[in-house]
PDB file of N, CA and C in Angstrom:
ATOM      1  N   MET A   1       4.439  35.476 -19.359  1.00  0.00           N
ATOM      2  CA  MET A   1       5.159  34.525 -18.672  1.00  0.00           C
ATOM      3  C   MET A   1       4.587  34.491 -17.237  1.00  0.00           C
ATOM      4  N   LYS A   2       4.419  35.731 -16.676  1.00  0.00           N
ATOM      5  CA  LYS A   2       3.793  35.862 -15.324  1.00  0.00           C
ATOM      6  C   LYS A   2       2.542  35.231 -15.249  1.00  0.00           C
ATOM      7  N   LEU A   3       1.657  35.361 -16.272  1.00  0.00           N
ATOM      8  CA  LEU A   3       0.197  34.697 -16.231  1.00  0.00           C
ATOM      9  C   LEU A   3       0.384  33.143 -16.237  1.00  0.00           C
ATOM     10  N   LEU A   4       1.281  32.612 -16.993  1.00  0.00           N
ATOM     11  CA  LEU A   4       1.519  31.207 -16.939  1.00  0.00           C
ATOM     12  C   LEU A   4       2.046  30.736 -15.622  1.00  0.00           C
ATOM     13  N   ILE A   5       2.841  31.436 -15.010  1.00  0.00           N
ATOM     14  CA  ILE A   5       3.319  30.923 -13.645  1.00  0.00           C
ATOM     15  C   ILE A   5       2.181  31.128 -12.754  1.00  0.00           C
ATOM     16  N   MET A   6       1.451  32.064 -12.720  1.00  0.00           N
ATOM     17  CA  MET A   6       0.287  32.208 -11.775  1.00  0.00           C
ATOM     18  C   MET A   6      -0.761  31.147 -12.037  1.00  0.00           C
ATOM     19  N   ALA A   7      -0.959  30.748 -13.215  1.00  0.00           N
ATOM     20  CA  ALA A   7      -1.916  29.835 -13.608  1.00  0.00           C
ATOM     21  C   ALA A   7      -1.411  28.400 -13.163  1.00  0.00           C
ATOM     22  N   LEU A   8      -0.031  28.056 -13.291  1.00  0.00           N
ATOM     23  CA  LEU A   8       0.457  26.939 -12.805  1.00  0.00           C
ATOM     24  C   LEU A   8       0.423  26.747 -11.337  1.00  0.00           C
ATOM     25  N   SER A   9       0.731  27.838 -10.606  1.00  0.00           N
ATOM     26  CA  SER A   9       0.702  27.913  -9.240  1.00  0.00           C
ATOM     27  C   SER A   9      -0.691  27.611  -8.688  1.00  0.00           C
ATOM     28  N   ILE A  10      -1.761  28.126  -9.269  1.00  0.00           N
ATOM     29  CA  ILE A  10      -3.176  27.978  -9.030  1.00  0.00           C
ATOM     30  C   ILE A  10      -3.537  26.575  -9.162  1.00  0.00           C
ATOM     31  N   VAL A  11      -3.127  25.941 -10.266  1.00  0.00           N
ATOM     32  CA  VAL A  11      -3.462  24.607 -10.526  1.00  0.00           C
ATOM     33  C   VAL A  11      -2.821  23.609  -9.528  1.00  0.00           C
ATOM     34  N   PHE A  12      -1.529  23.912  -9.150  1.00  0.00           N
ATOM     35  CA  PHE A  12      -0.820  23.189  -8.199  1.00  0.00           C
ATOM     36  C   PHE A  12      -1.469  23.267  -6.860  1.00  0.00           C
ATOM     37  N   LEU A  13      -1.884  24.438  -6.489  1.00  0.00           N
ATOM     38  CA  LEU A  13      -2.539  24.582  -5.152  1.00  0.00           C
ATOM     39  C   LEU A  13      -3.911  23.878  -4.970  1.00  0.00           C
ATOM     40  N   CYS A  14      -4.667  24.000  -6.116  1.00  0.00           N
ATOM     41  CA  CYS A  14      -5.912  23.236  -6.188  1.00  0.00           C
ATOM     42  C   CYS A  14      -5.778  21.779  -6.077  1.00  0.00           C
ATOM     43  N   ALA A  15      -4.708  21.325  -6.627  1.00  0.00           N
ATOM     44  CA  ALA A  15      -4.334  19.823  -6.690  1.00  0.00           C
ATOM     45  C   ALA A  15      -3.940  19.484  -5.230  1.00  0.00           C
ATOM     46  N   ALA A  16      -3.118  20.248  -4.563  1.00  0.00           N
ATOM     47  CA  ALA A  16      -2.567  20.060  -3.196  1.00  0.00           C
ATOM     48  C   ALA A  16      -3.856  20.080  -2.325  1.00  0.00           C
ATOM     49  N   TYR A  17      -4.717  21.021  -2.441  1.00  0.00           N
ATOM     50  CA  TYR A  17      -5.792  21.040  -1.406  1.00  0.00           C
ATOM     51  C   TYR A  17      -6.813  19.917  -1.641  1.00  0.00           C
ATOM     52  N   ALA A  18      -6.948  19.324  -2.914  1.00  0.00           N
ATOM     53  CA  ALA A  18      -7.880  18.239  -3.146  1.00  0.00           C
ATOM     54  C   ALA A  18      -7.318  16.948  -2.903  1.00  0.00           C
ATOM     55  N   TRP A  19      -5.883  16.741  -2.778  1.00  0.00           N
ATOM     56  CA  TRP A  19      -5.216  15.530  -2.782  1.00  0.00           C
ATOM     57  C   TRP A  19      -5.617  14.734  -1.607  1.00  0.00           C
ATOM     58  N   PRO A  20      -6.013  15.210  -0.381  1.00  0.00           N
ATOM     59  CA  PRO A  20      -6.353  14.350   0.655  1.00  0.00           C
ATOM     60  C   PRO A  20      -7.662  13.492   0.431  1.00  0.00           C
ATOM     61  N   VAL A  21      -8.532  13.941  -0.380  1.00  0.00           N
ATOM     62  CA  VAL A  21      -9.876  13.204  -0.646  1.00  0.00           C
ATOM     63  C   VAL A  21      -9.727  12.254  -1.800  1.00  0.00           C
ATOM     64  N   ILE A  22      -8.617  12.457  -2.735  1.00  0.00           N
ATOM     65  CA  ILE A  22      -8.504  11.573  -3.729  1.00  0.00           C
ATOM     66  C   ILE A  22      -8.439  10.138  -3.588  1.00  0.00           C
ATOM     67  N   PRO A  23      -7.613   9.649  -2.334  1.00  0.00           N
ATOM     68  CA  PRO A  23      -7.469   8.248  -2.120  1.00  0.00           C
ATOM     69  C   PRO A  23      -8.882   7.714  -1.670  1.00  0.00           C
ATOM     70  N   LEU A  24      -9.721   8.440  -1.120  1.00  0.00           N
ATOM     71  CA  LEU A  24     -11.014   7.975  -0.746  1.00  0.00           C
ATOM     72  C   LEU A  24     -11.991   7.867  -1.849  1.00  0.00           C
ATOM     73  N   LEU A  25     -11.792   8.564  -2.906  1.00  0.00           N
ATOM     74  CA  LEU A  25     -12.788   8.494  -3.991  1.00  0.00           C
ATOM     75  C   LEU A  25     -12.486   7.656  -5.205  1.00  0.00           C
ATOM     76  N   VAL A  26     -11.179   7.494  -5.481  1.00  0.00           N
ATOM     77  CA  VAL A  26     -10.802   6.730  -6.686  1.00  0.00           C
ATOM     78  C   VAL A  26     -11.180   5.269  -6.702  1.00  0.00           C
ATOM     79  N   TYR A  27     -11.546   4.662  -7.697  1.00  0.00           N
ATOM     80  CA  TYR A  27     -11.849   3.146  -7.732  1.00  0.00           C
ATOM     81  C   TYR A  27     -12.628   2.768  -6.451  1.00  0.00           C
ATOM     82  N   PRO A  28     -13.793   3.157  -6.375  1.00  0.00           N
ATOM     83  CA  PRO A  28     -14.501   2.719  -5.033  1.00  0.00           C
ATOM     84  C   PRO A  28     -14.968   1.191  -5.256  1.00  0.00           C
ATOM     85  N   LEU A  29     -15.150   0.695  -6.452  1.00  0.00           N
ATOM     86  CA  LEU A  29     -15.752  -0.639  -6.530  1.00  0.00           C
ATOM     87  C   LEU A  29     -14.708  -1.657  -6.902  1.00  0.00           C
ATOM     88  N   ASN A  30     -13.421  -1.281  -6.891  1.00  0.00           N
ATOM     89  CA  ASN A  30     -12.343  -2.244  -7.251  1.00  0.00           C
ATOM     90  C   ASN A  30     -11.333  -2.310  -6.203  1.00  0.00           C
ATOM     91  N   ARG A  31     -11.168  -3.327  -5.578  1.00  0.00           N
ATOM     92  CA  ARG A  31     -10.255  -3.478  -4.280  1.00  0.00           C
ATOM     93  C   ARG A  31      -8.699  -3.392  -4.669  1.00  0.00           C
ATOM     94  N   ARG A  32      -8.343  -4.125  -5.801  1.00  0.00           N
ATOM     95  CA  ARG A  32      -6.933  -4.031  -6.073  1.00  0.00           C
ATOM     96  C   ARG A  32      -6.509  -2.681  -6.594  1.00  0.00           C
ATOM     97  N   ARG A  33      -7.397  -2.089  -7.406  1.00  0.00           N
ATOM     98  CA  ARG A  33      -6.995  -0.725  -8.121  1.00  0.00           C
ATOM     99  C   ARG A  33      -7.027   0.399  -6.943  1.00  0.00           C
ATOM    100  N   GLY A  34      -8.001   0.197  -6.064  1.00  0.00           N
ATOM    101  CA  GLY A  34      -8.071   1.172  -4.869  1.00  0.00           C
ATOM    102  C   GLY A  34      -6.972   1.064  -4.090  1.00  0.00           C
ATOM    103  N   PHE A  35      -6.448  -0.048  -3.748  1.00  0.00           N
ATOM    104  CA  PHE A  35      -5.260  -0.361  -2.858  1.00  0.00           C
ATOM    105  C   PHE A  35      -3.993   0.369  -3.564  1.00  0.00           C
ATOM    106  N   GLY A  36      -3.883   0.115  -4.889  1.00  0.00           N
ATOM    107  CA  GLY A  36      -2.794   0.763  -5.676  1.00  0.00           C
ATOM    108  C   GLY A  36      -2.884   2.242  -5.741  1.00  0.00           C
ATOM    109  N   ALA A  37      -3.981   2.693  -5.936  1.00  0.00           N
ATOM    110  CA  ALA A  37      -4.199   4.180  -5.984  1.00  0.00           C
ATOM    111  C   ALA A  37      -3.889   4.799  -4.538  1.00  0.00           C
ATOM    112  N   ALA A  38      -4.208   4.060  -3.552  1.00  0.00           N
ATOM    113  CA  ALA A  38      -3.953   4.693  -2.152  1.00  0.00           C
ATOM    114  C   ALA A  38      -2.517   4.722  -2.035  1.00  0.00           C
ATOM    115  N   LEU A  39      -1.736   3.637  -2.326  1.00  0.00           N
ATOM    116  CA  LEU A  39      -0.441   3.607  -2.180  1.00  0.00           C
ATOM    117  C   LEU A  39       0.338   4.760  -3.114  1.00  0.00           C
ATOM    118  N   TYR A  40      -0.246   4.961  -4.229  1.00  0.00           N
ATOM    119  CA  TYR A  40       0.496   6.014  -5.192  1.00  0.00           C
ATOM    120  C   TYR A  40       0.245   7.371  -4.616  1.00  0.00           C
ATOM    121  N   CYS A  41      -1.063   7.531  -4.043  1.00  0.00           N
ATOM    122  CA  CYS A  41      -1.361   8.866  -3.428  1.00  0.00           C
ATOM    123  C   CYS A  41      -0.616   9.124  -2.334  1.00  0.00           C
ATOM    124  N   CYS A  42      -0.327   8.109  -1.373  1.00  0.00           N
ATOM    125  CA  CYS A  42       0.563   8.193  -0.275  1.00  0.00           C
ATOM    126  C   CYS A  42       1.974   8.542  -0.610  1.00  0.00           C
ATOM    127  N   ALA A  43       2.566   7.838  -1.627  1.00  0.00           N
ATOM    128  CA  ALA A  43       3.930   8.204  -2.028  1.00  0.00           C
ATOM    129  C   ALA A  43       4.028   9.486  -2.530  1.00  0.00           C
ATOM    130  N   VAL A  44       3.145  10.104  -3.478  1.00  0.00           N
ATOM    131  CA  VAL A  44       3.177  11.412  -3.918  1.00  0.00           C
ATOM    132  C   VAL A  44       3.053  12.355  -2.825  1.00  0.00           C
ATOM    133  N   ALA A  45       2.124  12.219  -1.783  1.00  0.00           N
ATOM    134  CA  ALA A  45       1.919  13.005  -0.659  1.00  0.00           C
ATOM    135  C   ALA A  45       3.275  13.097   0.189  1.00  0.00           C
ATOM    136  N   VAL A  46       3.892  11.982   0.462  1.00  0.00           N
ATOM    137  CA  VAL A  46       5.145  12.028   1.241  1.00  0.00           C
ATOM    138  C   VAL A  46       6.174  12.844   0.496  1.00  0.00           C
ATOM    139  N   PHE A  47       6.265  12.513  -0.873  1.00  0.00           N
ATOM    140  CA  PHE A  47       7.294  13.378  -1.634  1.00  0.00           C
ATOM    141  C   PHE A  47       7.002  14.844  -1.456  1.00  0.00           C
ATOM    142  N   PHE A  48       5.843  15.271  -1.854  1.00  0.00           N
ATOM    143  CA  PHE A  48       5.626  16.640  -1.964  1.00  0.00           C
ATOM    144  C   PHE A  48       5.435  17.330  -0.521  1.00  0.00           C
ATOM    145  N   GLY A  49       4.950  16.458   0.477  1.00  0.00           N
ATOM    146  CA  GLY A  49       4.961  16.996   1.745  1.00  0.00           C
ATOM    147  C   GLY A  49       6.324  17.300   2.379  1.00  0.00           C
ATOM    148  N   THR A  50       7.323  16.530   1.963  1.00  0.00           N
ATOM    149  CA  THR A  50       8.631  16.801   2.476  1.00  0.00           C
ATOM    150  C   THR A  50       9.364  17.867   1.617  1.00  0.00           C
ATOM    151  N   ALA A  51       9.019  17.924   0.330  1.00  0.00           N
ATOM    152  CA  ALA A  51       9.568  18.979  -0.557  1.00  0.00           C
ATOM    153  C   ALA A  51       9.212  20.309  -0.139  1.00  0.00           C
ATOM    154  N   PHE A  52       7.881  20.462   0.249  1.00  0.00           N
ATOM    155  CA  PHE A  52       7.269  21.784   0.701  1.00  0.00           C
ATOM    156  C   PHE A  52       7.070  22.057   2.133  1.00  0.00           C
ATOM    157  N   ARG A  53       7.920  21.310   2.854  1.00  0.00           N
ATOM    158  CA  ARG A  53       7.684  21.321   4.370  1.00  0.00           C
ATOM    159  C   ARG A  53       7.895  22.678   4.875  1.00  0.00           C
ATOM    160  N   TYR A  54       8.849  23.502   4.384  1.00  0.00           N
ATOM    161  CA  TYR A  54       9.125  24.748   4.973  1.00  0.00           C
ATOM    162  C   TYR A  54       8.437  25.948   4.250  1.00  0.00           C
ATOM    163  N   THR A  55       7.458  25.714   3.534  1.00  0.00           N
ATOM    164  CA  THR A  55       6.672  26.848   2.901  1.00  0.00           C
ATOM    165  C   THR A  55       5.498  26.879   3.758  1.00  0.00           C
ATOM    166  N   THR A  56       5.304  27.932   4.381  1.00  0.00           N
ATOM    167  CA  THR A  56       4.123  28.222   5.413  1.00  0.00           C
ATOM    168  C   THR A  56       3.159  29.102   4.806  1.00  0.00           C
ATOM    169  N   ARG A  57       3.327  29.574   3.739  1.00  0.00           N
ATOM    170  CA  ARG A  57       2.343  30.547   3.168  1.00  0.00           C
ATOM    171  C   ARG A  57       1.032  29.992   2.816  1.00  0.00           C
ATOM    172  N   PHE A  58       0.922  28.898   2.214  1.00  0.00           N
ATOM    173  CA  PHE A  58      -0.309  28.266   1.808  1.00  0.00           C
ATOM    174  C   PHE A  58      -0.701  26.990   2.349  1.00  0.00           C
ATOM    175  N   MET A  59       0.259  26.541   3.385  1.00  0.00           N
ATOM    176  CA  MET A  59       0.107  25.337   4.190  1.00  0.00           C
ATOM    177  C   MET A  59      -0.112  24.143   3.264  1.00  0.00           C
ATOM    178  N   VAL A  60       0.709  24.082   2.254  1.00  0.00           N
ATOM    179  CA  VAL A  60       0.667  22.980   1.278  1.00  0.00           C
ATOM    180  C   VAL A  60       1.030  21.639   1.841  1.00  0.00           C
ATOM    181  N   SER A  61       2.108  21.594   2.726  1.00  0.00           N
ATOM    182  CA  SER A  61       2.572  20.449   3.354  1.00  0.00           C
ATOM    183  C   SER A  61       1.496  19.872   4.306  1.00  0.00           C
ATOM    184  N   ASP A  62       0.684  20.706   4.931  1.00  0.00           N
ATOM    185  CA  ASP A  62      -0.334  20.137   5.830  1.00  0.00           C
ATOM    186  C   ASP A  62      -1.326  19.362   4.955  1.00  0.00           C
ATOM    187  N   PHE A  63      -1.733  19.775   3.932  1.00  0.00           N
ATOM    188  CA  PHE A  63      -2.675  19.176   3.031  1.00  0.00           C
ATOM    189  C   PHE A  63      -2.113  17.787   2.620  1.00  0.00           C
ATOM    190  N   PHE A  64      -0.832  17.726   2.175  1.00  0.00           N
ATOM    191  CA  PHE A  64      -0.218  16.511   1.912  1.00  0.00           C
ATOM    192  C   PHE A  64       0.006  15.590   3.113  1.00  0.00           C
ATOM    193  N   GLU A  65       0.177  16.136   4.198  1.00  0.00           N
ATOM    194  CA  GLU A  65       0.183  15.245   5.472  1.00  0.00           C
ATOM    195  C   GLU A  65      -1.153  14.624   5.657  1.00  0.00           C
ATOM    196  N   ALA A  66      -2.145  15.310   5.446  1.00  0.00           N
ATOM    197  CA  ALA A  66      -3.579  14.867   5.521  1.00  0.00           C
ATOM    198  C   ALA A  66      -3.805  13.786   4.524  1.00  0.00           C
ATOM    199  N   ALA A  67      -3.268  13.828   3.315  1.00  0.00           N
ATOM    200  CA  ALA A  67      -3.393  12.863   2.417  1.00  0.00           C
ATOM    201  C   ALA A  67      -2.762  11.600   2.647  1.00  0.00           C
ATOM    202  N   VAL A  68      -1.622  11.642   3.436  1.00  0.00           N
ATOM    203  CA  VAL A  68      -0.888  10.464   3.885  1.00  0.00           C
ATOM    204  C   VAL A  68      -1.817   9.710   4.930  1.00  0.00           C
ATOM    205  N   TYR A  69      -2.613  10.508   5.784  1.00  0.00           N
ATOM    206  CA  TYR A  69      -3.482   9.806   6.682  1.00  0.00           C
ATOM    207  C   TYR A  69      -4.759   9.173   5.989  1.00  0.00           C
ATOM    208  N   THR A  70      -5.205   9.911   5.041  1.00  0.00           N
ATOM    209  CA  THR A  70      -6.387   9.346   4.211  1.00  0.00           C
ATOM    210  C   THR A  70      -6.063   8.112   3.414  1.00  0.00           C
ATOM    211  N   SER A  71      -4.773   8.248   2.933  1.00  0.00           N
ATOM    212  CA  SER A  71      -4.220   7.105   2.077  1.00  0.00           C
ATOM    213  C   SER A  71      -3.965   5.843   3.031  1.00  0.00           C
ATOM    214  N   ALA A  72      -3.515   5.967   4.251  1.00  0.00           N
ATOM    215  CA  ALA A  72      -3.254   4.871   5.209  1.00  0.00           C
ATOM    216  C   ALA A  72      -4.740   4.327   5.581  1.00  0.00           C
ATOM    217  N   VAL A  73      -5.808   5.273   5.670  1.00  0.00           N
ATOM    218  CA  VAL A  73      -7.102   4.700   6.103  1.00  0.00           C
ATOM    219  C   VAL A  73      -7.499   3.721   4.875  1.00  0.00           C
ATOM    220  N   ARG A  74      -7.323   4.252   3.730  1.00  0.00           N
ATOM    221  CA  ARG A  74      -7.839   3.436   2.507  1.00  0.00           C
ATOM    222  C   ARG A  74      -7.126   2.055   2.398  1.00  0.00           C
ATOM    223  N   VAL A  75      -5.620   2.233   2.540  1.00  0.00           N
ATOM    224  CA  VAL A  75      -4.924   1.082   2.463  1.00  0.00           C
ATOM    225  C   VAL A  75      -5.384   0.073   3.603  1.00  0.00           C
ATOM    226  N   ILE A  76      -5.587   0.428   4.790  1.00  0.00           N
ATOM    227  CA  ILE A  76      -6.046  -0.489   5.874  1.00  0.00           C
ATOM    228  C   ILE A  76      -7.407  -1.036   5.506  1.00  0.00           C
ATOM    229  N   ALA A  77      -8.197  -0.255   5.122  1.00  0.00           N
ATOM    230  CA  ALA A  77      -9.600  -0.620   4.762  1.00  0.00           C
ATOM    231  C   ALA A  77      -9.572  -1.683   3.682  1.00  0.00           C
ATOM    232  N   GLU A  78      -8.717  -1.451   2.550  1.00  0.00           N
ATOM    233  CA  GLU A  78      -8.703  -2.559   1.511  1.00  0.00           C
ATOM    234  C   GLU A  78      -7.965  -3.745   1.965  1.00  0.00           C
ATOM    235  N   ALA A  79      -6.904  -3.641   2.709  1.00  0.00           N
ATOM    236  CA  ALA A  79      -6.157  -4.821   3.071  1.00  0.00           C
ATOM    237  C   ALA A  79      -6.979  -5.729   4.158  1.00  0.00           C
ATOM    238  N   THR A  80      -7.762  -5.085   4.925  1.00  0.00           N
ATOM    239  CA  THR A  80      -8.559  -5.986   5.753  1.00  0.00           C
ATOM    240  C   THR A  80      -9.866  -6.399   5.124  1.00  0.00           C
ATOM    241  N   GLY A  81     -10.298  -5.901   3.944  1.00  0.00           N
ATOM    242  CA  GLY A  81     -11.506  -6.306   3.407  1.00  0.00           C
ATOM    243  C   GLY A  81     -12.845  -5.675   4.033  1.00  0.00           C
ATOM    244  N   MET A  82     -12.586  -4.482   4.653  1.00  0.00           N
ATOM    245  CA  MET A  82     -13.863  -3.880   5.306  1.00  0.00           C
ATOM    246  C   MET A  82     -14.707  -3.367   4.349  1.00  0.00           C
ATOM    247  N   LEU A  83     -14.370  -3.030   3.085  1.00  0.00           N
ATOM    248  CA  LEU A  83     -15.144  -2.430   2.063  1.00  0.00           C
ATOM    249  C   LEU A  83     -15.978  -3.358   1.190  1.00  0.00           C
ATOM    250  N   GLU A  84     -15.776  -4.651   1.351  1.00  0.00           N
ATOM    251  CA  GLU A  84     -16.376  -5.685   0.476  1.00  0.00           C
ATOM    252  C   GLU A  84     -17.877  -5.725   0.645  1.00  0.00           C
ATOM    253  N   LYS A  85     -18.277  -5.704   1.992  1.00  0.00           N
ATOM    254  CA  LYS A  85     -19.799  -5.708   2.184  1.00  0.00           C
ATOM    255  C   LYS A  85     -20.475  -4.534   1.541  1.00  0.00           C
ATOM    256  N   PRO A  86     -19.929  -3.288   1.676  1.00  0.00           N
ATOM    257  CA  PRO A  86     -20.666  -2.243   1.004  1.00  0.00           C
ATOM    258  C   PRO A  86     -20.613  -2.300  -0.492  1.00  0.00           C
ATOM    259  N   ARG A  87     -19.544  -2.729  -1.108  1.00  0.00           N
ATOM    260  CA  ARG A  87     -19.336  -3.009  -2.530  1.00  0.00           C
ATOM    261  C   ARG A  87     -20.388  -4.073  -3.031  1.00  0.00           C
ATOM    262  N   HIS A  88     -20.485  -5.173  -2.237  1.00  0.00           N
ATOM    263  CA  HIS A  88     -21.427  -6.296  -2.700  1.00  0.00           C
ATOM    264  C   HIS A  88     -22.797  -5.641  -2.613  1.00  0.00           C
ATOM    265  N   ALA A  89     -23.182  -4.850  -1.624  1.00  0.00           N
ATOM    266  CA  ALA A  89     -24.615  -4.213  -1.451  1.00  0.00           C
ATOM    267  C   ALA A  89     -24.793  -3.268  -2.635  1.00  0.00           C
ATOM    268  N   TRP A  90     -23.696  -2.544  -3.063  1.00  0.00           N
ATOM    269  CA  TRP A  90     -23.908  -1.489  -4.124  1.00  0.00           C
ATOM    270  C   TRP A  90     -24.072  -2.287  -5.394  1.00  0.00           C
ATOM    271  N   ARG A  91     -23.385  -3.432  -5.670  1.00  0.00           N
ATOM    272  CA  ARG A  91     -23.473  -4.070  -7.039  1.00  0.00           C
ATOM    273  C   ARG A  91     -24.842  -4.806  -7.185  1.00  0.00           C
ATOM    274  N   THR A  92     -25.348  -5.274  -6.032  1.00  0.00           N
ATOM    275  CA  THR A  92     -26.555  -6.035  -6.056  1.00  0.00           C
ATOM    276  C   THR A  92     -27.854  -5.193  -5.714  1.00  0.00           C
ATOM    277  N   ARG A  93     -27.816  -3.900  -5.732  1.00  0.00           N
ATOM    278  CA  ARG A  93     -28.952  -3.167  -5.397  1.00  0.00           C
ATOM    279  C   ARG A  93     -29.903  -3.202  -6.606  1.00  0.00           C
ATOM    280  N   ARG A  94     -31.136  -2.920  -6.225  1.00  0.00           N
ATOM    281  CA  ARG A  94     -32.114  -2.861  -7.272  1.00  0.00           C
ATOM    282  C   ARG A  94     -32.387  -1.418  -7.681  1.00  0.00           C
ATOM    283  N   LEU A  95     -32.570  -1.227  -8.957  1.00  0.00           N
ATOM    284  CA  LEU A  95     -32.723   0.108  -9.575  1.00  0.00           C
ATOM    285  C   LEU A  95     -34.207   0.372  -9.630  1.00  0.00           C
TER     286      LEU A  95
END
């Protein structure tokens, strides 16, 4: 049982530490799905950031706070259409 709890803790910490970059990486070529994924990541980060606000041992809430900022950057970029030019260049590149 102790091994299972330790394994789940490690998986959760890895997910918390990787969560700030997920909104920047998911669905890079789809505007609507990227917008939705960024909103989802922001909602999850706000929930877990407030739930683990008083745990200072692994700084989990700090990583979720960073995820809120990266999600906001992705939402703003998708809403304003700033990523359409790089997407078009990526789709029409020559191989």
